[in-house]
Amino acid sequence: MRILVVDDERSLARAIKRGLEAEGFTVDLEHDGVRGLAAIRLGDYDAVVLDIMLPGRNGYDVVTTLREEGNWTPVLLLSAKDGEYDVADGLDVGADDYLTKPFAFVVLVARIRAIARRPATARPATLEVGAVTLDPALHEVRVAGEKVELTSREFALLEYLMRHRERVVSKTELLEHVWDSEDVNLVEQYVGYVRRKIGRERIATVRGAGYRAVG
């Protein structure tokens, strides 16, 4: 599996490279957004590990440009920021996953393997599940044509469920991808918030397994 790591923290980038190579990956390094974008365009990578705060072009800009060009190489964003808008922003521009620094290396490897397994097909600009439509670019949700206001965290939760509507999403997975936390009460709390806004019946609880977006 061929991976590109783009991070201007050179010591960290080299450490990631050594660790991934020990796991059997082939790894290339770049240290700014301009060179990183060029490498992704030219290279045949299975996944990209991309820092957000880069010189030249930031990670959000790199991902936005790739998706506008129809390039759907899986991207895992790295950031030292963990504010509530950051995860939603990363997903909105088309990233596949988000990991905050510092992180456990075993988690990084697991996330890379997970996004690399996903089909590299263009995702629709607007997600639809039954009467619910979600537009990541406009950060807009509508139910039966009526606009519904969600907070950034609620939006990120609903978007993740809608992107994976073909399966049940566990509480643990939602915590990792929306909060990067271990407090399962957050999931239950925010699922409740979203249900009250879009309709309880549109997020099904699968006892002992998690949640699923339904039409």
C-alpha atoms as a PDB file:
ATOM      1  CA  MET A   1       0.000   0.000   0.000  1.00  0.00           C
ATOM      2  CA  ARG A   2       1.472   3.363  -1.065  1.00  0.00           C
ATOM      3  CA  ILE A   3       0.948   6.314   1.288  1.00  0.00           C
ATOM      4  CA  LEU A   4       1.796  10.014   1.019  1.00  0.00           C
ATOM      5  CA  VAL A   5       2.434  11.909   4.264  1.00  0.00           C
ATOM      6  CA  VAL A   6       2.273  15.717   4.036  1.00  0.00           C
ATOM      7  CA  ASP A   7       3.348  17.459   7.241  1.00  0.00           C
ATOM      8  CA  ASP A   8       5.661  20.416   7.854  1.00  0.00           C
ATOM      9  CA  GLU A   9       6.714  19.021  11.235  1.00  0.00           C
ATOM     10  CA  ARG A  10       9.619  17.167   9.674  1.00  0.00           C
ATOM     11  CA  SER A  11      10.572  15.113  12.705  1.00  0.00           C
ATOM     12  CA  LEU A  12       6.981  13.920  13.096  1.00  0.00           C
ATOM     13  CA  ALA A  13       6.696  13.197   9.373  1.00  0.00           C
ATOM     14  CA  ARG A  14       9.879  11.116   9.464  1.00  0.00           C
ATOM     15  CA  ALA A  15       8.634   9.244  12.528  1.00  0.00           C
ATOM     16  CA  ILE A  16       5.329   8.472  10.790  1.00  0.00           C
ATOM     17  CA  LYS A  17       7.235   7.317   7.707  1.00  0.00           C
ATOM     18  CA  ARG A  18       9.449   4.955   9.726  1.00  0.00           C
ATOM     19  CA  GLY A  19       6.478   3.541  11.599  1.00  0.00           C
ATOM     20  CA  LEU A  20       4.373   2.983   8.475  1.00  0.00           C
ATOM     21  CA  GLU A  21       7.266   1.391   6.622  1.00  0.00           C
ATOM     22  CA  ALA A  22       7.684  -1.001   9.550  1.00  0.00           C
ATOM     23  CA  GLU A  23       4.025  -1.937   8.985  1.00  0.00           C
ATOM     24  CA  GLY A  24       4.764  -2.748   5.340  1.00  0.00           C
ATOM     25  CA  PHE A  25       3.630   0.498   3.686  1.00  0.00           C
ATOM     26  CA  THR A  26       5.545   2.359   0.991  1.00  0.00           C
ATOM     27  CA  VAL A  27       5.718   5.991   2.131  1.00  0.00           C
ATOM     28  CA  ASP A  28       6.557   9.283   0.396  1.00  0.00           C
ATOM     29  CA  LEU A  29       6.978  12.602   2.240  1.00  0.00           C
ATOM     30  CA  GLU A  30       6.188  16.200   1.383  1.00  0.00           C
ATOM     31  CA  HIS A  31       6.322  19.182   3.743  1.00  0.00           C
ATOM     32  CA  ASP A  32       4.093  21.886   2.216  1.00  0.00           C
ATOM     33  CA  GLY A  33       0.671  22.089   0.643  1.00  0.00           C
ATOM     34  CA  VAL A  34       1.779  23.053  -2.851  1.00  0.00           C
ATOM     35  CA  ARG A  35       4.194  20.134  -3.237  1.00  0.00           C
ATOM     36  CA  GLY A  36       1.748  17.821  -1.500  1.00  0.00           C
ATOM     37  CA  LEU A  37      -1.044  18.674  -3.941  1.00  0.00           C
ATOM     38  CA  ALA A  38       1.278  18.158  -6.912  1.00  0.00           C
ATOM     39  CA  ALA A  39       2.392  14.779  -5.550  1.00  0.00           C
ATOM     40  CA  ILE A  40      -1.192  13.601  -5.085  1.00  0.00           C
ATOM     41  CA  ARG A  41      -2.083  14.639  -8.615  1.00  0.00           C
ATOM     42  CA  LEU A  42       0.855  12.760 -10.096  1.00  0.00           C
ATOM     43  CA  GLY A  43       1.120   9.800  -7.739  1.00  0.00           C
ATOM     44  CA  ASP A  44      -1.006   6.686  -7.480  1.00  0.00           C
ATOM     45  CA  TYR A  45      -1.557   6.702  -3.718  1.00  0.00           C
ATOM     46  CA  ASP A  46      -3.842   4.409  -1.743  1.00  0.00           C
ATOM     47  CA  ALA A  47      -4.229   7.075   0.966  1.00  0.00           C
ATOM     48  CA  VAL A  48      -2.875  10.471   2.029  1.00  0.00           C
ATOM     49  CA  VAL A  49      -2.082  11.624   5.568  1.00  0.00           C
ATOM     50  CA  LEU A  50      -2.413  15.400   5.363  1.00  0.00           C
ATOM     51  CA  ASP A  51      -1.742  17.998   8.039  1.00  0.00           C
ATOM     52  CA  ILE A  52      -4.114  20.973   8.053  1.00  0.00           C
ATOM     53  CA  MET A  53      -1.683  23.750   9.022  1.00  0.00           C
ATOM     54  CA  LEU A  54       0.734  23.669   6.094  1.00  0.00           C
ATOM     55  CA  PRO A  55       2.786  26.380   4.373  1.00  0.00           C
ATOM     56  CA  GLY A  56       1.805  27.230   0.821  1.00  0.00           C
ATOM     57  CA  ARG A  57      -1.704  25.756   0.858  1.00  0.00           C
ATOM     58  CA  ASN A  58      -3.447  24.450   3.951  1.00  0.00           C
ATOM     59  CA  GLY A  59      -4.938  20.990   4.181  1.00  0.00           C
ATOM     60  CA  TYR A  60      -8.529  22.165   3.732  1.00  0.00           C
ATOM     61  CA  ASP A  61      -7.540  23.933   0.507  1.00  0.00           C
ATOM     62  CA  VAL A  62      -5.666  20.885  -0.791  1.00  0.00           C
ATOM     63  CA  VAL A  63      -8.644  18.572  -0.201  1.00  0.00           C
ATOM     64  CA  THR A  64     -11.126  21.059  -1.671  1.00  0.00           C
ATOM     65  CA  THR A  65      -9.021  21.384  -4.823  1.00  0.00           C
ATOM     66  CA  LEU A  66      -8.676  17.617  -5.221  1.00  0.00           C
ATOM     67  CA  ARG A  67     -12.400  16.995  -4.886  1.00  0.00           C
ATOM     68  CA  GLU A  68     -13.233  19.791  -7.315  1.00  0.00           C
ATOM     69  CA  GLU A  69     -10.897  18.097  -9.800  1.00  0.00           C
ATOM     70  CA  GLY A  70     -12.652  14.775  -9.293  1.00  0.00           C
ATOM     71  CA  ASN A  71      -9.730  13.224  -7.408  1.00  0.00           C
ATOM     72  CA  TRP A  72     -11.110  10.990  -4.643  1.00  0.00           C
ATOM     73  CA  THR A  73      -7.886   9.616  -3.185  1.00  0.00           C
ATOM     74  CA  PRO A  74      -8.701   8.829   0.473  1.00  0.00           C
ATOM     75  CA  VAL A  75      -7.446  11.605   2.789  1.00  0.00           C
ATOM     76  CA  LEU A  76      -6.882  11.482   6.542  1.00  0.00           C
ATOM     77  CA  LEU A  77      -6.491  14.988   7.988  1.00  0.00           C
ATOM     78  CA  LEU A  78      -4.176  15.646  10.940  1.00  0.00           C
ATOM     79  CA  SER A  79      -4.499  18.659  13.193  1.00  0.00           C
ATOM     80  CA  ALA A  80      -3.475  19.924  16.606  1.00  0.00           C
ATOM     81  CA  LYS A  81      -6.882  21.635  16.771  1.00  0.00           C
ATOM     82  CA  ASP A  82      -9.848  19.806  18.267  1.00  0.00           C
ATOM     83  CA  GLY A  83     -12.535  22.500  18.310  1.00  0.00           C
ATOM     84  CA  GLU A  84     -16.093  21.528  17.473  1.00  0.00           C
ATOM     85  CA  TYR A  85     -15.934  23.130  14.020  1.00  0.00           C
ATOM     86  CA  ASP A  86     -12.745  21.393  12.915  1.00  0.00           C
ATOM     87  CA  VAL A  87     -14.119  17.893  12.384  1.00  0.00           C
ATOM     88  CA  ALA A  88     -17.155  19.240  10.523  1.00  0.00           C
ATOM     89  CA  ASP A  89     -14.958  21.509   8.377  1.00  0.00           C
ATOM     90  CA  GLY A  90     -12.673  18.622   7.481  1.00  0.00           C
ATOM     91  CA  LEU A  91     -15.548  16.388   6.440  1.00  0.00           C
ATOM     92  CA  ASP A  92     -17.314  19.212   4.622  1.00  0.00           C
ATOM     93  CA  VAL A  93     -14.413  19.796   2.244  1.00  0.00           C
ATOM     94  CA  GLY A  94     -14.253  16.114   1.368  1.00  0.00           C
ATOM     95  CA  ALA A  95     -11.775  14.494   3.760  1.00  0.00           C
ATOM     96  CA  ASP A  96     -12.454  10.870   4.646  1.00  0.00           C
ATOM     97  CA  ASP A  97     -11.343  11.002   8.267  1.00  0.00           C
ATOM     98  CA  TYR A  98      -9.809  13.304  10.883  1.00  0.00           C
ATOM     99  CA  LEU A  99      -7.285  12.662  13.649  1.00  0.00           C
ATOM    100  CA  THR A 100      -6.101  15.139  16.273  1.00  0.00           C
ATOM    101  CA  LYS A 101      -2.531  15.379  17.529  1.00  0.00           C
ATOM    102  CA  PRO A 102      -1.121  13.824  19.605  1.00  0.00           C
ATOM    103  CA  PHE A 103      -2.389  10.418  18.522  1.00  0.00           C
ATOM    104  CA  ALA A 104      -1.546   6.790  19.137  1.00  0.00           C
ATOM    105  CA  PHE A 105       0.341   5.310  16.198  1.00  0.00           C
ATOM    106  CA  VAL A 106      -1.794   2.166  16.248  1.00  0.00           C
ATOM    107  CA  VAL A 107      -4.881   4.372  15.767  1.00  0.00           C
ATOM    108  CA  LEU A 108      -3.247   6.137  12.812  1.00  0.00           C
ATOM    109  CA  VAL A 109      -2.506   2.814  11.125  1.00  0.00           C
ATOM    110  CA  ALA A 110      -6.050   1.574  11.723  1.00  0.00           C
ATOM    111  CA  ARG A 111      -7.557   4.762  10.288  1.00  0.00           C
ATOM    112  CA  ILE A 112      -5.318   4.586   7.189  1.00  0.00           C
ATOM    113  CA  ARG A 113      -6.278   0.974   6.537  1.00  0.00           C
ATOM    114  CA  ALA A 114      -9.959   1.825   6.996  1.00  0.00           C
ATOM    115  CA  ILE A 115     -10.068   4.732   4.518  1.00  0.00           C
ATOM    116  CA  ALA A 116      -7.921   2.852   1.990  1.00  0.00           C
ATOM    117  CA  ARG A 117     -10.473   0.015   1.946  1.00  0.00           C
ATOM    118  CA  ARG A 118     -13.299   2.334   0.943  1.00  0.00           C
ATOM    119  CA  PRO A 119     -14.209   2.461  -2.755  1.00  0.00           C
ATOM    120  CA  ALA A 120     -12.550   5.488  -4.370  1.00  0.00           C
ATOM    121  CA  THR A 121     -15.717   6.708  -6.041  1.00  0.00           C
ATOM    122  CA  ALA A 122     -17.011  10.252  -6.160  1.00  0.00           C
ATOM    123  CA  ARG A 123     -19.452  10.929  -3.366  1.00  0.00           C
ATOM    124  CA  PRO A 124     -22.597  12.872  -4.223  1.00  0.00           C
ATOM    125  CA  ALA A 125     -22.527  16.594  -3.518  1.00  0.00           C
ATOM    126  CA  THR A 126     -25.849  16.215  -1.713  1.00  0.00           C
ATOM    127  CA  LEU A 127     -26.658  13.241   0.507  1.00  0.00           C
ATOM    128  CA  GLU A 128     -30.230  11.945   0.587  1.00  0.00           C
ATOM    129  CA  VAL A 129     -31.891   9.470   2.921  1.00  0.00           C
ATOM    130  CA  GLY A 130     -35.649   9.461   2.566  1.00  0.00           C
ATOM    131  CA  ALA A 131     -36.980  12.994   3.063  1.00  0.00           C
ATOM    132  CA  VAL A 132     -33.691  14.237   4.543  1.00  0.00           C
ATOM    133  CA  THR A 133     -31.144  15.956   2.300  1.00  0.00           C
ATOM    134  CA  LEU A 134     -27.748  17.177   3.485  1.00  0.00           C
ATOM    135  CA  ASP A 135     -25.466  19.460   1.485  1.00  0.00           C
ATOM    136  CA  PRO A 136     -21.905  19.455   2.908  1.00  0.00           C
ATOM    137  CA  ALA A 137     -20.778  22.398   0.782  1.00  0.00           C
ATOM    138  CA  LEU A 138     -23.620  24.648   1.921  1.00  0.00           C
ATOM    139  CA  HIS A 139     -23.679  23.104   5.419  1.00  0.00           C
ATOM    140  CA  GLU A 140     -27.425  22.781   4.971  1.00  0.00           C
ATOM    141  CA  VAL A 141     -29.984  20.171   6.000  1.00  0.00           C
ATOM    142  CA  ARG A 142     -33.556  19.979   4.745  1.00  0.00           C
ATOM    143  CA  VAL A 143     -36.402  17.690   5.753  1.00  0.00           C
ATOM    144  CA  ALA A 144     -39.152  17.395   3.138  1.00  0.00           C
ATOM    145  CA  GLY A 145     -37.802  20.615   1.612  1.00  0.00           C
ATOM    146  CA  GLU A 146     -37.854  22.581   4.862  1.00  0.00           C
ATOM    147  CA  LYS A 147     -34.510  23.871   6.140  1.00  0.00           C
ATOM    148  CA  VAL A 148     -33.436  22.586   9.566  1.00  0.00           C
ATOM    149  CA  GLU A 149     -30.781  24.352  11.639  1.00  0.00           C
ATOM    150  CA  LEU A 150     -28.151  22.063  13.176  1.00  0.00           C
ATOM    151  CA  THR A 151     -25.062  22.891  15.190  1.00  0.00           C
ATOM    152  CA  SER A 152     -21.712  21.887  13.685  1.00  0.00           C
ATOM    153  CA  ARG A 153     -21.507  18.820  15.933  1.00  0.00           C
ATOM    154  CA  GLU A 154     -25.060  17.761  15.114  1.00  0.00           C
ATOM    155  CA  PHE A 155     -24.332  18.271  11.417  1.00  0.00           C
ATOM    156  CA  ALA A 156     -21.161  16.135  11.598  1.00  0.00           C
ATOM    157  CA  LEU A 157     -23.082  13.357  13.370  1.00  0.00           C
ATOM    158  CA  LEU A 158     -25.913  13.334  10.844  1.00  0.00           C
ATOM    159  CA  GLU A 159     -23.531  13.521   7.892  1.00  0.00           C
ATOM    160  CA  TYR A 160     -21.543  10.530   9.131  1.00  0.00           C
ATOM    161  CA  LEU A 161     -24.709   8.470   9.576  1.00  0.00           C
ATOM    162  CA  MET A 162     -25.969   9.463   6.118  1.00  0.00           C
ATOM    163  CA  ARG A 163     -22.654   8.696   4.422  1.00  0.00           C
ATOM    164  CA  HIS A 164     -22.798   5.208   5.969  1.00  0.00           C
ATOM    165  CA  ARG A 165     -26.536   4.689   5.620  1.00  0.00           C
ATOM    166  CA  GLU A 166     -26.053   1.178   4.214  1.00  0.00           C
ATOM    167  CA  ARG A 167     -24.923  -0.134   7.603  1.00  0.00           C
ATOM    168  CA  VAL A 168     -25.250   0.253  11.372  1.00  0.00           C
ATOM    169  CA  VAL A 169     -22.736   2.705  12.890  1.00  0.00           C
ATOM    170  CA  SER A 170     -21.574   1.913  16.421  1.00  0.00           C
ATOM    171  CA  LYS A 171     -21.332   4.451  19.220  1.00  0.00           C
ATOM    172  CA  THR A 172     -17.586   3.837  19.374  1.00  0.00           C
ATOM    173  CA  GLU A 173     -17.179   4.658  15.682  1.00  0.00           C
ATOM    174  CA  LEU A 174     -19.187   7.852  16.046  1.00  0.00           C
ATOM    175  CA  LEU A 175     -17.077   8.887  19.028  1.00  0.00           C
ATOM    176  CA  GLU A 176     -13.879   8.346  17.056  1.00  0.00           C
ATOM    177  CA  HIS A 177     -15.018  10.181  13.946  1.00  0.00           C
ATOM    178  CA  VAL A 178     -17.161  12.995  15.349  1.00  0.00           C
ATOM    179  CA  TRP A 179     -15.706  13.651  18.802  1.00  0.00           C
ATOM    180  CA  ASP A 180     -12.444  11.728  19.207  1.00  0.00           C
ATOM    181  CA  SER A 181     -13.694  11.017  22.734  1.00  0.00           C
ATOM    182  CA  GLU A 182     -14.572   8.025  24.906  1.00  0.00           C
ATOM    183  CA  ASP A 183     -17.766   9.421  26.460  1.00  0.00           C
ATOM    184  CA  VAL A 184     -20.597   7.355  24.945  1.00  0.00           C
ATOM    185  CA  ASN A 185     -23.111   9.647  26.629  1.00  0.00           C
ATOM    186  CA  LEU A 186     -22.195  12.289  24.043  1.00  0.00           C
ATOM    187  CA  VAL A 187     -23.482  10.083  21.234  1.00  0.00           C
ATOM    188  CA  GLU A 188     -26.785   9.355  22.949  1.00  0.00           C
ATOM    189  CA  GLN A 189     -27.211  13.012  23.844  1.00  0.00           C
ATOM    190  CA  TYR A 190     -26.562  14.325  20.328  1.00  0.00           C
ATOM    191  CA  VAL A 191     -28.571  11.622  18.591  1.00  0.00           C
ATOM    192  CA  GLY A 192     -31.448  12.871  20.748  1.00  0.00           C
ATOM    193  CA  TYR A 193     -30.829  16.463  19.676  1.00  0.00           C
ATOM    194  CA  VAL A 194     -30.782  15.535  15.982  1.00  0.00           C
ATOM    195  CA  ARG A 195     -33.873  13.352  16.264  1.00  0.00           C
ATOM    196  CA  ARG A 196     -35.850  16.219  17.763  1.00  0.00           C
ATOM    197  CA  LYS A 197     -34.926  18.389  14.771  1.00  0.00           C
ATOM    198  CA  ILE A 198     -35.314  15.952  11.851  1.00  0.00           C
ATOM    199  CA  GLY A 199     -37.764  13.406  13.281  1.00  0.00           C
ATOM    200  CA  ARG A 200     -37.128  10.556  15.693  1.00  0.00           C
ATOM    201  CA  GLU A 201     -37.992   7.904  13.126  1.00  0.00           C
ATOM    202  CA  ARG A 202     -35.156   8.986  10.806  1.00  0.00           C
ATOM    203  CA  ILE A 203     -32.381   7.638  13.065  1.00  0.00           C
ATOM    204  CA  ALA A 204     -32.993   4.037  14.051  1.00  0.00           C
ATOM    205  CA  THR A 205     -31.482   2.476  17.165  1.00  0.00           C
ATOM    206  CA  VAL A 206     -30.194  -1.043  16.602  1.00  0.00           C
ATOM    207  CA  ARG A 207     -30.025  -2.462  20.099  1.00  0.00           C
ATOM    208  CA  GLY A 208     -26.519  -3.517  21.073  1.00  0.00           C
ATOM    209  CA  ALA A 209     -25.046  -2.327  17.779  1.00  0.00           C
ATOM    210  CA  GLY A 210     -25.551   1.415  17.253  1.00  0.00           C
ATOM    211  CA  TYR A 211     -27.509   3.681  14.927  1.00  0.00           C
ATOM    212  CA  ARG A 212     -28.560   3.797  11.295  1.00  0.00           C
ATOM    213  CA  ALA A 213     -29.993   6.564   9.125  1.00  0.00           C
ATOM    214  CA  VAL A 214     -33.292   5.450   7.603  1.00  0.00           C
ATOM    215  CA  GLY A 215     -35.656   6.858   5.022  1.00  0.00           C
END
